[in-house]
């Protein structure tokens, strides 16, 4: 017998696990996020060439990122929190198998520092009453709230070590002292 060339009829089984990408990130205001890198490649199945797509969701649903076809992706600058995921498949399979999702959060800082009270006036040195939170800071979005307290007794503003709550109970004073609370949404 004289044989012709051989023809293969291959069965490709798609990936069953989309792998792992990283890393989540959180910064203040708009920023250029760090690259999202491949930690674990997709796995499962057999045969076929690997194909990748990347998608993002910034509150409007998943959108394919044109030209993003590698196992890692470096997003451009963002001004709103955006979630990314990687799809992979074994060609010619048509279904995308997705990795975990990575969040690039945009935190917008407070726009109003809130209100504290109360002014106080006494004779000679004394131990002032606690300064209490009347209205919490407001505005912005995201991030954990952080507080600092400062005082000025005529020498300029000085941070009070360990004072990190929304209210503050000052110790005894012998000179007139002004206090203020600072607040921010971390990591602003």
Protein backbone atom coordinates (compact mmCIF):
# COMPACT_ATOMS: atom_id res chain seq x y z
CA UNK A 1 0.00 0.00 0.00
CA UNK A 2 1.03 3.54 -0.73
CA UNK A 3 -0.43 5.98 1.77
CA UNK A 4 -1.53 9.58 1.46
CA UNK A 5 -0.86 12.19 4.08
CA UNK A 6 -2.55 11.73 7.44
CA UNK A 7 -5.52 13.77 8.57
CA UNK A 8 -6.24 14.24 12.27
CA UNK A 9 -9.65 14.85 13.72
CA UNK A 10 -8.80 16.37 17.07
CA UNK A 11 -11.07 16.81 20.03
CA UNK A 12 -10.19 19.89 22.07
CA UNK A 13 -11.50 20.07 25.62
CA UNK A 14 -11.68 23.63 26.92
CA UNK A 15 -10.09 24.86 30.12
CA UNK A 16 -11.99 24.07 33.30
CA UNK A 17 -10.20 26.65 35.50
CA UNK A 18 -9.47 30.22 34.41
CA UNK A 19 -6.41 30.59 36.62
CA UNK A 20 -5.52 33.38 39.05
CA UNK A 21 -4.58 37.01 38.42
CA UNK A 22 -3.56 39.75 40.87
CA UNK A 23 -3.53 42.29 42.44
CA UNK A 24 -6.27 44.40 43.97
CA UNK A 25 -5.36 48.03 44.51
CA UNK A 26 -6.83 51.07 46.23
CA UNK A 27 -5.69 54.67 45.79
CA UNK A 28 -7.05 58.16 46.20
CA UNK A 29 -8.63 60.04 43.28
CA UNK A 30 -7.82 58.99 39.70
CA UNK A 31 -4.61 57.01 39.10
CA UNK A 32 -2.76 54.68 36.73
CA UNK A 33 -3.13 51.20 38.29
CA UNK A 34 -0.30 48.69 38.49
CA UNK A 35 -0.17 45.83 36.00
CA UNK A 36 -2.50 42.87 36.59
CA UNK A 37 -0.25 39.83 36.44
CA UNK A 38 -0.74 36.13 35.81
CA UNK A 39 -0.22 34.12 39.01
CA UNK A 40 -1.64 30.78 37.89
CA UNK A 41 -2.28 29.96 34.25
CA UNK A 42 -5.60 28.44 33.18
CA UNK A 43 -5.78 24.67 33.54
CA UNK A 44 -7.83 21.61 32.65
CA UNK A 45 -8.88 20.37 29.25
CA UNK A 46 -6.56 19.33 26.47
CA UNK A 47 -5.35 20.46 23.05
CA UNK A 48 -5.81 23.71 21.17
CA UNK A 49 -3.89 26.96 21.35
CA UNK A 50 -4.53 29.27 24.31
CA UNK A 51 -6.42 32.48 23.62
CA UNK A 52 -6.97 35.31 26.09
CA UNK A 53 -9.30 38.28 26.38
CA UNK A 54 -9.54 40.90 29.13
CA UNK A 55 -12.72 42.59 30.30
CA UNK A 56 -13.47 45.48 32.63
CA UNK A 57 -16.55 46.64 34.53
CA UNK A 58 -16.71 50.17 35.92
CA UNK A 59 -20.38 50.01 36.80
CA UNK A 60 -21.77 49.60 33.28
CA UNK A 61 -21.33 45.84 32.84
CA UNK A 62 -18.48 43.77 31.37
CA UNK A 63 -16.73 45.24 28.32
CA UNK A 64 -14.01 43.51 26.25
CA UNK A 65 -10.72 45.45 26.12
CA UNK A 66 -9.61 45.67 22.49
CA UNK A 67 -6.09 44.36 21.87
CA UNK A 68 -5.65 42.83 25.34
CA UNK A 69 -4.74 39.23 24.45
CA UNK A 70 -1.83 38.31 26.77
CA UNK A 71 -1.87 36.47 30.11
CA UNK A 72 -1.22 39.78 31.96
CA UNK A 73 -2.67 43.26 31.43
CA UNK A 74 -1.55 46.80 32.27
CA UNK A 75 -4.64 49.00 32.57
CA UNK A 76 -4.56 52.67 31.70
CA UNK A 77 -5.49 55.50 34.07
CA UNK A 78 -8.89 55.25 35.80
CA UNK A 79 -11.07 57.79 37.59
CA UNK A 80 -13.71 55.38 38.91
CA UNK A 81 -13.41 52.00 40.63
CA UNK A 82 -12.97 49.31 37.98
CA UNK A 83 -13.01 45.50 38.12
CA UNK A 84 -11.00 43.38 35.68
CA UNK A 85 -11.05 39.70 34.71
CA UNK A 86 -9.24 37.52 32.20
CA UNK A 87 -11.00 35.07 29.92
CA UNK A 88 -9.16 32.10 28.47
CA UNK A 89 -10.07 29.28 26.14
CA UNK A 90 -8.50 26.54 24.05
CA UNK A 91 -9.06 27.33 20.35
CA UNK A 92 -11.38 26.49 18.66
CA UNK A 93 -13.62 26.35 21.76
CA UNK A 94 -16.02 29.30 21.89
CA UNK A 95 -16.70 29.65 25.63
CA UNK A 96 -14.43 31.86 27.74
CA UNK A 97 -13.41 30.47 31.13
CA UNK A 98 -12.80 33.36 33.56
CA UNK A 99 -10.17 33.96 36.21
CA UNK A 100 -10.86 35.61 39.53
CA UNK A 101 -11.73 39.32 39.46
CA UNK A 102 -9.27 42.07 40.40
CA UNK A 103 -10.51 45.38 41.79
CA UNK A 104 -8.77 48.69 41.19
CA UNK A 105 -10.61 50.96 43.61
CA UNK A 106 -10.70 54.74 43.35
CA UNK A 107 -11.26 56.42 46.71
CA UNK A 108 -12.51 60.00 46.73
CA UNK A 109 -11.63 61.82 49.95
CA UNK A 110 -14.09 63.59 52.24
CA UNK A 111 -15.21 67.02 51.11
CA UNK A 112 -16.51 68.11 54.54
CA UNK A 113 -14.64 67.49 57.80
CA UNK A 114 -17.80 67.41 59.92
CA UNK A 115 -18.55 69.28 63.17
CA UNK A 116 -17.08 68.84 66.68
CA UNK A 117 -18.06 70.58 69.95
CA UNK A 118 -17.89 72.32 72.39
CA UNK A 119 -16.02 75.54 73.13
CA UNK A 120 -15.21 76.02 76.79
CA UNK A 121 -13.93 78.82 79.04
CA UNK A 122 -12.75 78.55 82.67
CA UNK A 123 -10.48 80.39 85.08
CA UNK A 124 -6.82 79.34 85.54
CA UNK A 125 -5.68 75.87 84.39
CA UNK A 126 -8.26 73.08 84.11
CA UNK A 127 -9.08 69.68 82.58
CA UNK A 128 -11.37 70.45 79.61
CA UNK A 129 -14.46 68.40 78.83
CA UNK A 130 -14.29 65.88 76.00
CA UNK A 131 -14.59 67.24 72.47
CA UNK A 132 -17.35 65.24 70.83
CA UNK A 133 -18.39 64.38 67.29
CA UNK A 134 -21.58 66.22 66.30
CA UNK A 135 -21.54 65.54 62.56
CA UNK A 136 -19.28 62.96 60.96
CA UNK A 137 -17.20 63.87 57.90
CA UNK A 138 -19.04 63.52 54.60
CA UNK A 139 -18.57 63.49 50.85
CA UNK A 140 -16.33 61.29 48.75
CA UNK A 141 -16.61 57.54 48.44
CA UNK A 142 -14.80 54.36 49.52
CA UNK A 143 -11.88 53.79 51.85
CA UNK A 144 -11.76 53.40 55.62
CA UNK A 145 -12.13 56.51 57.78
CA UNK A 146 -9.01 57.69 59.59
CA UNK A 147 -8.83 60.50 62.16
CA UNK A 148 -6.09 62.64 63.64
CA UNK A 149 -6.37 65.37 66.26
CA UNK A 150 -4.19 68.47 66.48
CA UNK A 151 -3.79 71.27 69.01
CA UNK A 152 -2.41 74.81 68.88
CA UNK A 153 -1.49 76.57 72.10
CA UNK A 154 0.28 79.46 70.39
CA UNK A 155 3.13 77.46 68.82
CA UNK A 156 1.37 76.19 65.67
CA UNK A 157 -0.55 73.00 64.98
CA UNK A 158 0.82 69.82 66.58
CA UNK A 159 -0.49 66.27 66.01
CA UNK A 160 -1.69 64.53 69.19
CA UNK A 161 -0.14 61.05 69.27
CA UNK A 162 -2.64 58.20 69.67
CA UNK A 163 -5.72 60.39 69.14
CA UNK A 164 -7.45 58.53 66.29
CA UNK A 165 -11.17 58.43 67.21
CA UNK A 166 -13.99 60.73 66.11
CA UNK A 167 -14.01 62.36 69.59
CA UNK A 168 -11.15 63.42 71.86
CA UNK A 169 -10.77 64.03 75.59
CA UNK A 170 -7.90 66.50 76.13
CA UNK A 171 -5.77 66.42 79.24
CA UNK A 172 -5.31 69.37 81.64
CA UNK A 173 -4.25 72.70 80.10
CA UNK A 174 -2.66 75.81 81.59
CA UNK A 175 -2.85 78.01 78.46
CA UNK A 176 -5.66 78.61 75.97
CA UNK A 177 -5.58 75.80 73.42
CA UNK A 178 -7.42 75.26 70.13
CA UNK A 179 -8.21 71.77 68.86
CA UNK A 180 -9.21 70.42 65.47
CA UNK A 181 -9.96 67.00 63.99
CA UNK A 182 -8.61 65.81 60.65
CA UNK A 183 -10.36 63.06 58.71
CA UNK A 184 -9.63 61.22 55.50
CA UNK A 185 -10.68 58.18 53.56
CA UNK A 186 -7.68 55.84 53.43
CA UNK A 187 -5.50 55.74 51.38
CA UNK A 188 -6.03 59.46 50.69
